[in-house]
Amino acid sequence: MAARVEPIRGVIAPTLTPFNDDLSIALDLYVDHARHLLATGCAGLAPFGTTGEALSAGIDERIGALDRLIDRGVDPKRLIPGTGLTNLIDTARLTRHAVERGCAGAMVLPPFYIKDVTDDGLFAYYARLIERVGSDDLRIYLYHIPPVAHVGLSIELVQRLHSAFPAQIVGIKDSSGDWANTRRLLTEVPGLIVYPGSELPLFDALALGAAGCITATANINATQIAKAIDLQRSGREAEAKQLHESVKKLRLKIQEFGQIVAQKYLLAVWKNEPRWRTVRPPLVELNDAVGLRLRTALDEIGFTPAPLAQV
């Protein structure tokens, strides 16, 4: 029987990726932001997820950015980088690198370009990935995000993978937005570490044994999300629920303006660093008129960002 993997418990941020004016990754901002998140409430980080514009970054860029984080002192045991691409060879390369650098795991999308694939085909993909990485230290967190990838991971497939490879397939990020699916993962796949991909169903998920959540808005609201989790775990239910309502309001408001562009705009303003506004095409950065509406909307719901950590 495979040993139980101890999960990262709490809020995990899929970190935004800052770019310089020439669209190269702004590694100085990248490291500073990671340190800030870990100092202000994040239990862990998931570099190069959807929020990190992962599929707009090259493989060597992703390897280099992860190396920079670790070489500058970020604990790899607090990192679950995204490594899933559309082909087995490159996914194995990125995943192997994460293992070699000592990361807590790798968050692996299914191969998402070819549609209408079978569970047997997806099972074979992950089995071959495990074989190619070839390490006893490999820990895979499946990444289920059908609204974006249009290739999902059925409950039956997740059960089959976890049963066949209990030492390697250890968890999942469920970004389906479907609470019924998240609930089934928590109740029907014993031993699997489950992170909902949003703070919206957080308390229901915690009650069923979720380790926490991996949520985009942790990039700007980690402190309050982490506090809500702490209140709930300490039995202060009323306070926890009140704070959770505030946390959900922010999440829903940010979604209206676009998770990536809205949060990058806000960081550019709060940190007085215009490079934070930059996104890679095909995304388009928020203009000042929309940005003003966003800031007004946050004022109306009473959101105040946490002080910038000295890191």
C-alpha atoms as a PDB file:
ATOM      1  CA  MET A   1       0.000   0.000   0.000  1.00  0.00           C
ATOM      2  CA  ALA A   2       1.322   3.437  -0.957  1.00  0.00           C
ATOM      3  CA  ALA A   3       2.206   5.782   1.897  1.00  0.00           C
ATOM      4  CA  ARG A   4      -0.234   8.619   2.453  1.00  0.00           C
ATOM      5  CA  VAL A   5       1.006  11.877   0.943  1.00  0.00           C
ATOM      6  CA  GLU A   6       0.631  14.820   3.300  1.00  0.00           C
ATOM      7  CA  PRO A   7      -1.105  17.595   1.349  1.00  0.00           C
ATOM      8  CA  ILE A   8      -0.410  21.292   1.392  1.00  0.00           C
ATOM      9  CA  ARG A   9      -3.246  22.484   3.614  1.00  0.00           C
ATOM     10  CA  GLY A  10      -4.820  25.876   3.074  1.00  0.00           C
ATOM     11  CA  VAL A  11      -5.024  28.266   0.159  1.00  0.00           C
ATOM     12  CA  ILE A  12      -2.752  27.752  -2.842  1.00  0.00           C
ATOM     13  CA  ALA A  13      -2.305  30.509  -5.420  1.00  0.00           C
ATOM     14  CA  PRO A  14      -1.950  29.691  -9.116  1.00  0.00           C
ATOM     15  CA  THR A  15       0.541  32.499  -9.487  1.00  0.00           C
ATOM     16  CA  LEU A  16       0.172  35.212 -12.084  1.00  0.00           C
ATOM     17  CA  THR A  17       3.107  35.539 -14.479  1.00  0.00           C
ATOM     18  CA  PRO A  18       4.433  39.093 -14.949  1.00  0.00           C
ATOM     19  CA  PHE A  19       5.991  40.146 -18.245  1.00  0.00           C
ATOM     20  CA  ASN A  20       8.411  42.854 -19.292  1.00  0.00           C
ATOM     21  CA  ASP A  21       7.538  45.239 -22.099  1.00  0.00           C
ATOM     22  CA  ASP A  22       9.222  42.883 -24.603  1.00  0.00           C
ATOM     23  CA  LEU A  23       6.962  40.068 -23.306  1.00  0.00           C
ATOM     24  CA  SER A  24       9.802  38.181 -21.620  1.00  0.00           C
ATOM     25  CA  ILE A  25       8.983  36.910 -18.135  1.00  0.00           C
ATOM     26  CA  ALA A  26       9.782  39.539 -15.499  1.00  0.00           C
ATOM     27  CA  LEU A  27      11.634  37.179 -13.189  1.00  0.00           C
ATOM     28  CA  ASP A  28      12.277  39.830 -10.565  1.00  0.00           C
ATOM     29  CA  LEU A  29       8.552  40.490 -10.171  1.00  0.00           C
ATOM     30  CA  TYR A  30       7.812  36.782 -10.363  1.00  0.00           C
ATOM     31  CA  VAL A  31      10.012  35.946  -7.384  1.00  0.00           C
ATOM     32  CA  ASP A  32       8.857  38.968  -5.375  1.00  0.00           C
ATOM     33  CA  HIS A  33       5.208  38.065  -5.939  1.00  0.00           C
ATOM     34  CA  ALA A  34       5.778  34.458  -4.870  1.00  0.00           C
ATOM     35  CA  ARG A  35       7.456  35.593  -1.670  1.00  0.00           C
ATOM     36  CA  HIS A  36       4.654  38.070  -1.004  1.00  0.00           C
ATOM     37  CA  LEU A  37       1.983  35.391  -1.407  1.00  0.00           C
ATOM     38  CA  LEU A  38       3.744  32.974   0.929  1.00  0.00           C
ATOM     39  CA  ALA A  39       4.205  35.749   3.484  1.00  0.00           C
ATOM     40  CA  THR A  40       0.564  36.853   3.432  1.00  0.00           C
ATOM     41  CA  GLY A  41      -1.430  33.663   3.729  1.00  0.00           C
ATOM     42  CA  CYS A  42      -0.673  31.175   0.965  1.00  0.00           C
ATOM     43  CA  ALA A  43       0.252  27.683   2.111  1.00  0.00           C
ATOM     44  CA  GLY A  44       1.578  26.895  -1.349  1.00  0.00           C
ATOM     45  CA  LEU A  45       1.860  28.054  -4.941  1.00  0.00           C
ATOM     46  CA  ALA A  46       0.932  26.531  -8.289  1.00  0.00           C
ATOM     47  CA  PRO A  47       3.157  28.240 -10.875  1.00  0.00           C
ATOM     48  CA  PHE A  48       2.035  28.085 -14.495  1.00  0.00           C
ATOM     49  CA  GLY A  49      -1.581  27.166 -14.126  1.00  0.00           C
ATOM     50  CA  THR A  50      -4.315  28.749 -16.210  1.00  0.00           C
ATOM     51  CA  THR A  51      -4.086  31.998 -14.229  1.00  0.00           C
ATOM     52  CA  GLY A  52      -0.343  32.067 -14.895  1.00  0.00           C
ATOM     53  CA  GLU A  53      -0.876  32.170 -18.684  1.00  0.00           C
ATOM     54  CA  ALA A  54       0.963  28.844 -18.792  1.00  0.00           C
ATOM     55  CA  LEU A  55      -0.025  27.950 -22.326  1.00  0.00           C
ATOM     56  CA  SER A  56       1.306  31.297 -23.520  1.00  0.00           C
ATOM     57  CA  ALA A  57       4.767  30.527 -22.122  1.00  0.00           C
ATOM     58  CA  GLY A  58       7.463  28.363 -23.679  1.00  0.00           C
ATOM     59  CA  ILE A  59       8.805  25.182 -22.091  1.00  0.00           C
ATOM     60  CA  ASP A  60      12.260  26.592 -21.459  1.00  0.00           C
ATOM     61  CA  GLU A  61      10.712  29.738 -19.978  1.00  0.00           C
ATOM     62  CA  ARG A  62       8.680  27.666 -17.553  1.00  0.00           C
ATOM     63  CA  ILE A  63      11.709  25.625 -16.531  1.00  0.00           C
ATOM     64  CA  GLY A  64      13.765  28.785 -16.079  1.00  0.00           C
ATOM     65  CA  ALA A  65      11.103  30.542 -14.012  1.00  0.00           C
ATOM     66  CA  LEU A  66      10.667  27.553 -11.693  1.00  0.00           C
ATOM     67  CA  ASP A  67      14.442  27.355 -11.289  1.00  0.00           C
ATOM     68  CA  ARG A  68      14.562  31.051 -10.420  1.00  0.00           C
ATOM     69  CA  LEU A  69      11.904  30.649  -7.709  1.00  0.00           C
ATOM     70  CA  ILE A  70      13.721  27.761  -6.069  1.00  0.00           C
ATOM     71  CA  ASP A  71      17.205  29.210  -6.505  1.00  0.00           C
ATOM     72  CA  ARG A  72      16.018  32.406  -4.821  1.00  0.00           C
ATOM     73  CA  GLY A  73      14.831  30.536  -1.755  1.00  0.00           C
ATOM     74  CA  VAL A  74      11.220  29.524  -2.374  1.00  0.00           C
ATOM     75  CA  ASP A  75      10.729  26.101  -0.783  1.00  0.00           C
ATOM     76  CA  PRO A  76       9.969  23.567  -3.549  1.00  0.00           C
ATOM     77  CA  LYS A  77       7.868  21.574  -1.084  1.00  0.00           C
ATOM     78  CA  ARG A  78       5.366  24.426  -1.286  1.00  0.00           C
ATOM     79  CA  LEU A  79       5.180  24.297  -5.097  1.00  0.00           C
ATOM     80  CA  ILE A  80       2.862  22.327  -7.390  1.00  0.00           C
ATOM     81  CA  PRO A  81       3.738  23.661 -10.857  1.00  0.00           C
ATOM     82  CA  GLY A  82       1.514  23.080 -13.853  1.00  0.00           C
ATOM     83  CA  THR A  83       3.228  20.773 -16.361  1.00  0.00           C
ATOM     84  CA  GLY A  84       0.453  19.538 -18.653  1.00  0.00           C
ATOM     85  CA  LEU A  85       0.755  20.169 -22.384  1.00  0.00           C
ATOM     86  CA  THR A  86      -0.832  18.659 -25.468  1.00  0.00           C
ATOM     87  CA  ASN A  87       1.839  16.013 -25.990  1.00  0.00           C
ATOM     88  CA  LEU A  88       3.408  13.346 -23.839  1.00  0.00           C
ATOM     89  CA  ILE A  89       7.057  14.182 -24.561  1.00  0.00           C
ATOM     90  CA  ASP A  90       6.973  17.812 -23.430  1.00  0.00           C
ATOM     91  CA  THR A  91       4.666  17.055 -20.501  1.00  0.00           C
ATOM     92  CA  ALA A  92       7.149  14.422 -19.321  1.00  0.00           C
ATOM     93  CA  ARG A  93      10.027  16.884 -19.654  1.00  0.00           C
ATOM     94  CA  LEU A  94       8.329  19.567 -17.569  1.00  0.00           C
ATOM     95  CA  THR A  95       7.073  17.053 -15.025  1.00  0.00           C
ATOM     96  CA  ARG A  96      10.483  15.411 -14.653  1.00  0.00           C
ATOM     97  CA  HIS A  97      12.054  18.804 -14.055  1.00  0.00           C
ATOM     98  CA  ALA A  98       9.555  19.551 -11.271  1.00  0.00           C
ATOM     99  CA  VAL A  99      10.376  16.207  -9.661  1.00  0.00           C
ATOM    100  CA  GLU A 100      14.114  16.786  -9.964  1.00  0.00           C
ATOM    101  CA  ARG A 101      13.795  20.184  -8.292  1.00  0.00           C
ATOM    102  CA  GLY A 102      11.978  18.593  -5.345  1.00  0.00           C
ATOM    103  CA  CYS A 103       8.503  20.062  -5.872  1.00  0.00           C
ATOM    104  CA  ALA A 104       5.576  18.793  -3.829  1.00  0.00           C
ATOM    105  CA  GLY A 105       3.936  17.621  -7.021  1.00  0.00           C
ATOM    106  CA  ALA A 106       3.031  18.482 -10.588  1.00  0.00           C
ATOM    107  CA  MET A 107      -0.412  19.621 -11.723  1.00  0.00           C
ATOM    108  CA  VAL A 108      -1.056  17.859 -15.016  1.00  0.00           C
ATOM    109  CA  LEU A 109      -3.760  18.741 -17.519  1.00  0.00           C
ATOM    110  CA  PRO A 110      -5.052  15.997 -19.790  1.00  0.00           C
ATOM    111  CA  PRO A 111      -3.846  16.309 -23.405  1.00  0.00           C
ATOM    112  CA  PHE A 112      -6.468  18.812 -24.450  1.00  0.00           C
ATOM    113  CA  TYR A 113      -6.104  19.455 -28.172  1.00  0.00           C
ATOM    114  CA  ILE A 114      -7.662  16.234 -29.454  1.00  0.00           C
ATOM    115  CA  LYS A 115     -11.309  16.132 -28.436  1.00  0.00           C
ATOM    116  CA  ASP A 116     -13.762  13.270 -27.836  1.00  0.00           C
ATOM    117  CA  VAL A 117     -11.043  10.988 -26.490  1.00  0.00           C
ATOM    118  CA  THR A 118     -11.933   7.962 -24.388  1.00  0.00           C
ATOM    119  CA  ASP A 119     -11.148   7.254 -20.760  1.00  0.00           C
ATOM    120  CA  ASP A 120      -8.946   4.410 -21.980  1.00  0.00           C
ATOM    121  CA  GLY A 121      -6.920   6.863 -24.058  1.00  0.00           C
ATOM    122  CA  LEU A 122      -6.530   9.284 -21.154  1.00  0.00           C
ATOM    123  CA  PHE A 123      -5.583   6.442 -18.804  1.00  0.00           C
ATOM    124  CA  ALA A 124      -2.876   5.373 -21.246  1.00  0.00           C
ATOM    125  CA  TYR A 125      -1.574   8.946 -21.419  1.00  0.00           C
ATOM    126  CA  TYR A 126      -1.088   9.246 -17.670  1.00  0.00           C
ATOM    127  CA  ALA A 127       0.314   5.703 -17.435  1.00  0.00           C
ATOM    128  CA  ARG A 128       2.891   6.513 -20.108  1.00  0.00           C
ATOM    129  CA  LEU A 129       3.702   9.798 -18.372  1.00  0.00           C
ATOM    130  CA  ILE A 130       4.450   7.996 -15.124  1.00  0.00           C
ATOM    131  CA  GLU A 131       6.603   5.509 -17.031  1.00  0.00           C
ATOM    132  CA  ARG A 132       8.555   8.241 -18.843  1.00  0.00           C
ATOM    133  CA  VAL A 133       9.214  10.323 -15.734  1.00  0.00           C
ATOM    134  CA  GLY A 134      10.358   7.137 -14.033  1.00  0.00           C
ATOM    135  CA  SER A 135      10.764   8.449 -10.508  1.00  0.00           C
ATOM    136  CA  ASP A 136       9.562   7.166  -7.151  1.00  0.00           C
ATOM    137  CA  ASP A 137       9.246  10.815  -6.121  1.00  0.00           C
ATOM    138  CA  LEU A 138       6.633  11.646  -8.756  1.00  0.00           C
ATOM    139  CA  ARG A 139       3.388  13.041  -7.330  1.00  0.00           C
ATOM    140  CA  ILE A 140       0.713  13.996  -9.867  1.00  0.00           C
ATOM    141  CA  TYR A 141      -2.232  16.277  -9.163  1.00  0.00           C
ATOM    142  CA  LEU A 142      -4.717  15.857 -11.982  1.00  0.00           C
ATOM    143  CA  TYR A 143      -6.109  19.103 -13.380  1.00  0.00           C
ATOM    144  CA  HIS A 144      -9.787  18.951 -14.311  1.00  0.00           C
ATOM    145  CA  ILE A 145     -10.914  22.145 -16.047  1.00  0.00           C
ATOM    146  CA  PRO A 146     -13.409  21.202 -18.784  1.00  0.00           C
ATOM    147  CA  PRO A 147     -14.745  24.781 -19.246  1.00  0.00           C
ATOM    148  CA  VAL A 148     -11.298  25.649 -20.653  1.00  0.00           C
ATOM    149  CA  ALA A 149      -9.681  22.404 -21.799  1.00  0.00           C
ATOM    150  CA  HIS A 150     -12.887  20.800 -23.147  1.00  0.00           C
ATOM    151  CA  VAL A 151     -11.292  17.476 -22.223  1.00  0.00           C
ATOM    152  CA  GLY A 152     -12.312  16.396 -18.756  1.00  0.00           C
ATOM    153  CA  LEU A 153     -11.483  13.628 -16.327  1.00  0.00           C
ATOM    154  CA  SER A 154     -14.492  11.526 -15.374  1.00  0.00           C
ATOM    155  CA  ILE A 155     -14.961  10.335 -11.806  1.00  0.00           C
ATOM    156  CA  GLU A 156     -14.551   6.771 -13.056  1.00  0.00           C
ATOM    157  CA  LEU A 157     -11.240   7.625 -14.736  1.00  0.00           C
ATOM    158  CA  VAL A 158      -9.951   9.387 -11.623  1.00  0.00           C
ATOM    159  CA  GLN A 159     -10.892   6.349  -9.523  1.00  0.00           C
ATOM    160  CA  ARG A 160      -9.144   4.050 -11.984  1.00  0.00           C
ATOM    161  CA  LEU A 161      -5.962   6.147 -12.099  1.00  0.00           C
ATOM    162  CA  HIS A 162      -5.757   6.555  -8.328  1.00  0.00           C
ATOM    163  CA  SER A 163      -6.335   2.829  -7.836  1.00  0.00           C
ATOM    164  CA  ALA A 164      -3.735   1.812 -10.430  1.00  0.00           C
ATOM    165  CA  PHE A 165      -1.103   4.375  -9.394  1.00  0.00           C
ATOM    166  CA  PRO A 166      -1.778   5.306  -5.752  1.00  0.00           C
ATOM    167  CA  ALA A 167       1.793   6.464  -5.150  1.00  0.00           C
ATOM    168  CA  GLN A 168       1.823   8.763  -8.186  1.00  0.00           C
ATOM    169  CA  ILE A 169      -1.762   9.957  -8.766  1.00  0.00           C
ATOM    170  CA  VAL A 170      -2.269  11.582  -5.393  1.00  0.00           C
ATOM    171  CA  GLY A 171      -4.640  14.495  -5.934  1.00  0.00           C
ATOM    172  CA  ILE A 172      -6.734  16.668  -8.205  1.00  0.00           C
ATOM    173  CA  LYS A 173      -7.590  20.296  -8.759  1.00  0.00           C
ATOM    174  CA  ASP A 174     -11.252  20.411  -9.728  1.00  0.00           C
ATOM    175  CA  SER A 175     -11.929  23.588 -11.698  1.00  0.00           C
ATOM    176  CA  SER A 176     -15.120  22.272 -13.234  1.00  0.00           C
ATOM    177  CA  GLY A 177     -17.216  24.794 -11.302  1.00  0.00           C
ATOM    178  CA  ASP A 178     -19.588  21.889 -10.627  1.00  0.00           C
ATOM    179  CA  TRP A 179     -20.016  21.296  -6.898  1.00  0.00           C
ATOM    180  CA  ALA A 180     -21.648  17.914  -7.547  1.00  0.00           C
ATOM    181  CA  ASN A 181     -18.446  16.772  -9.264  1.00  0.00           C
ATOM    182  CA  THR A 182     -16.232  18.067  -6.458  1.00  0.00           C
ATOM    183  CA  ARG A 183     -18.437  16.377  -3.875  1.00  0.00           C
ATOM    184  CA  ARG A 184     -18.167  13.059  -5.696  1.00  0.00           C
ATOM    185  CA  LEU A 185     -14.382  13.318  -5.798  1.00  0.00           C
ATOM    186  CA  LEU A 186     -14.324  13.960  -2.055  1.00  0.00           C
ATOM    187  CA  THR A 187     -16.705  11.121  -1.220  1.00  0.00           C
ATOM    188  CA  GLU A 188     -16.083   8.493  -3.899  1.00  0.00           C
ATOM    189  CA  VAL A 189     -12.286   8.472  -4.321  1.00  0.00           C
ATOM    190  CA  PRO A 190     -10.895   7.602  -0.875  1.00  0.00           C
ATOM    191  CA  GLY A 191      -7.416   8.886  -0.157  1.00  0.00           C
ATOM    192  CA  LEU A 192      -7.351  11.376  -3.035  1.00  0.00           C
ATOM    193  CA  ILE A 193      -6.284  14.925  -2.148  1.00  0.00           C
ATOM    194  CA  VAL A 194      -8.939  17.260  -3.558  1.00  0.00           C
ATOM    195  CA  TYR A 195      -8.644  21.009  -4.108  1.00  0.00           C
ATOM    196  CA  PRO A 196     -11.630  22.883  -5.524  1.00  0.00           C
ATOM    197  CA  GLY A 197     -10.471  25.418  -8.090  1.00  0.00           C
ATOM    198  CA  SER A 198     -12.291  28.281  -6.391  1.00  0.00           C
ATOM    199  CA  GLU A 199     -13.029  29.561  -2.910  1.00  0.00           C
ATOM    200  CA  LEU A 200     -16.767  29.642  -3.677  1.00  0.00           C
ATOM    201  CA  PRO A 201     -17.520  26.072  -2.438  1.00  0.00           C
ATOM    202  CA  LEU A 202     -14.656  26.141   0.055  1.00  0.00           C
ATOM    203  CA  PHE A 203     -16.503  25.485   3.302  1.00  0.00           C
ATOM    204  CA  ASP A 204     -18.628  22.685   1.867  1.00  0.00           C
ATOM    205  CA  ALA A 205     -15.425  21.119   0.524  1.00  0.00           C
ATOM    206  CA  LEU A 206     -13.544  21.490   3.825  1.00  0.00           C
ATOM    207  CA  ALA A 207     -16.417  19.781   5.617  1.00  0.00           C
ATOM    208  CA  LEU A 208     -15.930  16.749   3.369  1.00  0.00           C
ATOM    209  CA  GLY A 209     -12.171  16.617   3.876  1.00  0.00           C
ATOM    210  CA  ALA A 210     -10.707  18.921   1.221  1.00  0.00           C
ATOM    211  CA  ALA A 211      -7.171  20.065   1.991  1.00  0.00           C
ATOM    212  CA  GLY A 212      -7.958  23.634   0.934  1.00  0.00           C
ATOM    213  CA  CYS A 213      -8.380  25.284  -2.449  1.00  0.00           C
ATOM    214  CA  ILE A 214      -6.291  26.394  -5.419  1.00  0.00           C
ATOM    215  CA  THR A 215      -7.827  29.695  -6.436  1.00  0.00           C
ATOM    216  CA  ALA A 216      -6.884  32.504  -8.807  1.00  0.00           C
ATOM    217  CA  THR A 217      -7.967  35.308  -6.481  1.00  0.00           C
ATOM    218  CA  ALA A 218      -5.430  34.196  -3.891  1.00  0.00           C
ATOM    219  CA  ASN A 219      -3.112  36.399  -5.959  1.00  0.00           C
ATOM    220  CA  ILE A 220      -4.794  39.434  -4.370  1.00  0.00           C
ATOM    221  CA  ASN A 221      -6.798  38.035  -1.447  1.00  0.00           C
ATOM    222  CA  ALA A 222      -4.769  35.234   0.132  1.00  0.00           C
ATOM    223  CA  THR A 223      -4.890  36.771   3.599  1.00  0.00           C
ATOM    224  CA  GLN A 224      -8.676  36.763   3.887  1.00  0.00           C
ATOM    225  CA  ILE A 225      -9.107  33.329   2.318  1.00  0.00           C
ATOM    226  CA  ALA A 226      -6.509  31.873   4.675  1.00  0.00           C
ATOM    227  CA  LYS A 227      -8.140  33.581   7.650  1.00  0.00           C
ATOM    228  CA  ALA A 228     -11.543  32.176   6.711  1.00  0.00           C
ATOM    229  CA  ILE A 229     -10.050  28.673   6.592  1.00  0.00           C
ATOM    230  CA  ASP A 230      -8.361  29.157   9.973  1.00  0.00           C
ATOM    231  CA  LEU A 231     -11.604  30.410  11.557  1.00  0.00           C
ATOM    232  CA  GLN A 232     -13.522  27.438  10.200  1.00  0.00           C
ATOM    233  CA  ARG A 233     -10.926  24.940  11.407  1.00  0.00           C
ATOM    234  CA  SER A 234     -10.865  26.502  14.881  1.00  0.00           C
ATOM    235  CA  GLY A 235     -14.634  26.114  15.227  1.00  0.00           C
ATOM    236  CA  ARG A 236     -15.513  29.815  14.893  1.00  0.00           C
ATOM    237  CA  GLU A 237     -18.222  29.059  12.364  1.00  0.00           C
ATOM    238  CA  ALA A 238     -20.150  32.341  12.444  1.00  0.00           C
ATOM    239  CA  GLU A 239     -17.040  34.469  11.929  1.00  0.00           C
ATOM    240  CA  ALA A 240     -15.804  32.112   9.248  1.00  0.00           C
ATOM    241  CA  LYS A 241     -19.052  32.260   7.296  1.00  0.00           C
ATOM    242  CA  GLN A 242     -19.204  36.050   7.517  1.00  0.00           C
ATOM    243  CA  LEU A 243     -15.682  36.383   6.160  1.00  0.00           C
ATOM    244  CA  HIS A 244     -16.364  33.750   3.508  1.00  0.00           C
ATOM    245  CA  GLU A 245     -19.265  35.837   2.201  1.00  0.00           C
ATOM    246  CA  SER A 246     -16.878  38.753   1.742  1.00  0.00           C
ATOM    247  CA  VAL A 247     -14.324  36.511   0.044  1.00  0.00           C
ATOM    248  CA  LYS A 248     -16.975  35.205  -2.371  1.00  0.00           C
ATOM    249  CA  LYS A 249     -18.103  38.730  -3.264  1.00  0.00           C
ATOM    250  CA  LEU A 250     -14.578  39.611  -4.330  1.00  0.00           C
ATOM    251  CA  ARG A 251     -14.217  36.447  -6.385  1.00  0.00           C
ATOM    252  CA  LEU A 252     -17.463  37.053  -8.262  1.00  0.00           C
ATOM    253  CA  LYS A 253     -16.603  40.690  -8.911  1.00  0.00           C
ATOM    254  CA  ILE A 254     -13.128  39.875 -10.263  1.00  0.00           C
ATOM    255  CA  GLN A 255     -14.651  37.245 -12.552  1.00  0.00           C
ATOM    256  CA  GLU A 256     -16.793  39.927 -14.175  1.00  0.00           C
ATOM    257  CA  PHE A 257     -13.664  41.756 -15.355  1.00  0.00           C
ATOM    258  CA  GLY A 258     -11.521  38.716 -16.240  1.00  0.00           C
ATOM    259  CA  GLN A 259      -9.404  36.945 -13.649  1.00  0.00           C
ATOM    260  CA  ILE A 260      -6.003  37.462 -15.246  1.00  0.00           C
ATOM    261  CA  VAL A 261      -6.277  40.967 -16.671  1.00  0.00           C
ATOM    262  CA  ALA A 262      -8.172  42.366 -13.684  1.00  0.00           C
ATOM    263  CA  GLN A 263      -5.741  41.108 -11.081  1.00  0.00           C
ATOM    264  CA  LYS A 264      -2.729  42.197 -13.115  1.00  0.00           C
ATOM    265  CA  TYR A 265      -4.205  45.678 -13.417  1.00  0.00           C
ATOM    266  CA  LEU A 266      -4.763  45.867  -9.660  1.00  0.00           C
ATOM    267  CA  LEU A 267      -1.240  44.701  -8.865  1.00  0.00           C
ATOM    268  CA  ALA A 268       0.147  47.320 -11.252  1.00  0.00           C
ATOM    269  CA  VAL A 269      -1.749  50.010  -9.346  1.00  0.00           C
ATOM    270  CA  TRP A 270      -1.090  48.747  -5.824  1.00  0.00           C
ATOM    271  CA  LYS A 271       2.603  48.084  -6.423  1.00  0.00           C
ATOM    272  CA  ASN A 272       3.140  51.112  -8.672  1.00  0.00           C
ATOM    273  CA  GLU A 273       4.701  48.752 -11.198  1.00  0.00           C
ATOM    274  CA  PRO A 274       3.264  49.144 -14.724  1.00  0.00           C
ATOM    275  CA  ARG A 275       4.845  45.911 -15.952  1.00  0.00           C
ATOM    276  CA  TRP A 276       2.199  44.018 -14.014  1.00  0.00           C
ATOM    277  CA  ARG A 277      -0.446  45.142 -16.517  1.00  0.00           C
ATOM    278  CA  THR A 278       1.256  43.341 -19.389  1.00  0.00           C
ATOM    279  CA  VAL A 279      -0.323  40.165 -20.740  1.00  0.00           C
ATOM    280  CA  ARG A 280       0.687  38.044 -23.673  1.00  0.00           C
ATOM    281  CA  PRO A 281      -1.536  38.021 -26.752  1.00  0.00           C
ATOM    282  CA  PRO A 282      -4.209  36.958 -27.400  1.00  0.00           C
ATOM    283  CA  LEU A 283      -5.118  38.496 -24.015  1.00  0.00           C
ATOM    284  CA  VAL A 284      -5.477  42.281 -23.965  1.00  0.00           C
ATOM    285  CA  GLU A 285      -4.655  44.299 -20.856  1.00  0.00           C
ATOM    286  CA  LEU A 286      -7.342  46.234 -19.025  1.00  0.00           C
ATOM    287  CA  ASN A 287      -7.547  49.869 -20.114  1.00  0.00           C
ATOM    288  CA  ASP A 288      -7.755  52.683 -17.579  1.00  0.00           C
ATOM    289  CA  ALA A 289     -11.475  53.296 -18.048  1.00  0.00           C
ATOM    290  CA  VAL A 290     -12.339  49.676 -17.288  1.00  0.00           C
ATOM    291  CA  GLY A 291      -9.734  49.627 -14.550  1.00  0.00           C
ATOM    292  CA  LEU A 292     -11.438  52.581 -12.864  1.00  0.00           C
ATOM    293  CA  ARG A 293     -14.753  50.734 -12.969  1.00  0.00           C
ATOM    294  CA  LEU A 294     -13.065  47.729 -11.409  1.00  0.00           C
ATOM    295  CA  ARG A 295     -11.553  49.754  -8.573  1.00  0.00           C
ATOM    296  CA  THR A 296     -14.899  51.456  -7.954  1.00  0.00           C
ATOM    297  CA  ALA A 297     -16.621  48.069  -7.844  1.00  0.00           C
ATOM    298  CA  LEU A 298     -14.130  46.822  -5.254  1.00  0.00           C
ATOM    299  CA  ASP A 299     -14.673  49.958  -3.172  1.00  0.00           C
ATOM    300  CA  GLU A 300     -18.410  49.309  -3.265  1.00  0.00           C
ATOM    301  CA  ILE A 301     -18.001  45.823  -1.794  1.00  0.00           C
ATOM    302  CA  GLY A 302     -15.582  47.150   0.814  1.00  0.00           C
ATOM    303  CA  PHE A 303     -12.470  45.317  -0.347  1.00  0.00           C
ATOM    304  CA  THR A 304      -9.120  46.557   0.917  1.00  0.00           C
ATOM    305  CA  PRO A 305      -5.966  44.732  -0.177  1.00  0.00           C
ATOM    306  CA  ALA A 306      -3.605  43.368   2.449  1.00  0.00           C
ATOM    307  CA  PRO A 307      -0.480  45.482   3.031  1.00  0.00           C
ATOM    308  CA  LEU A 308       2.399  44.542   0.770  1.00  0.00           C
ATOM    309  CA  ALA A 309       4.668  42.167   2.669  1.00  0.00           C
ATOM    310  CA  GLN A 310       8.295  43.093   3.161  1.00  0.00           C
ATOM    311  CA  VAL A 311      10.075  40.131   1.604  1.00  0.00           C
END
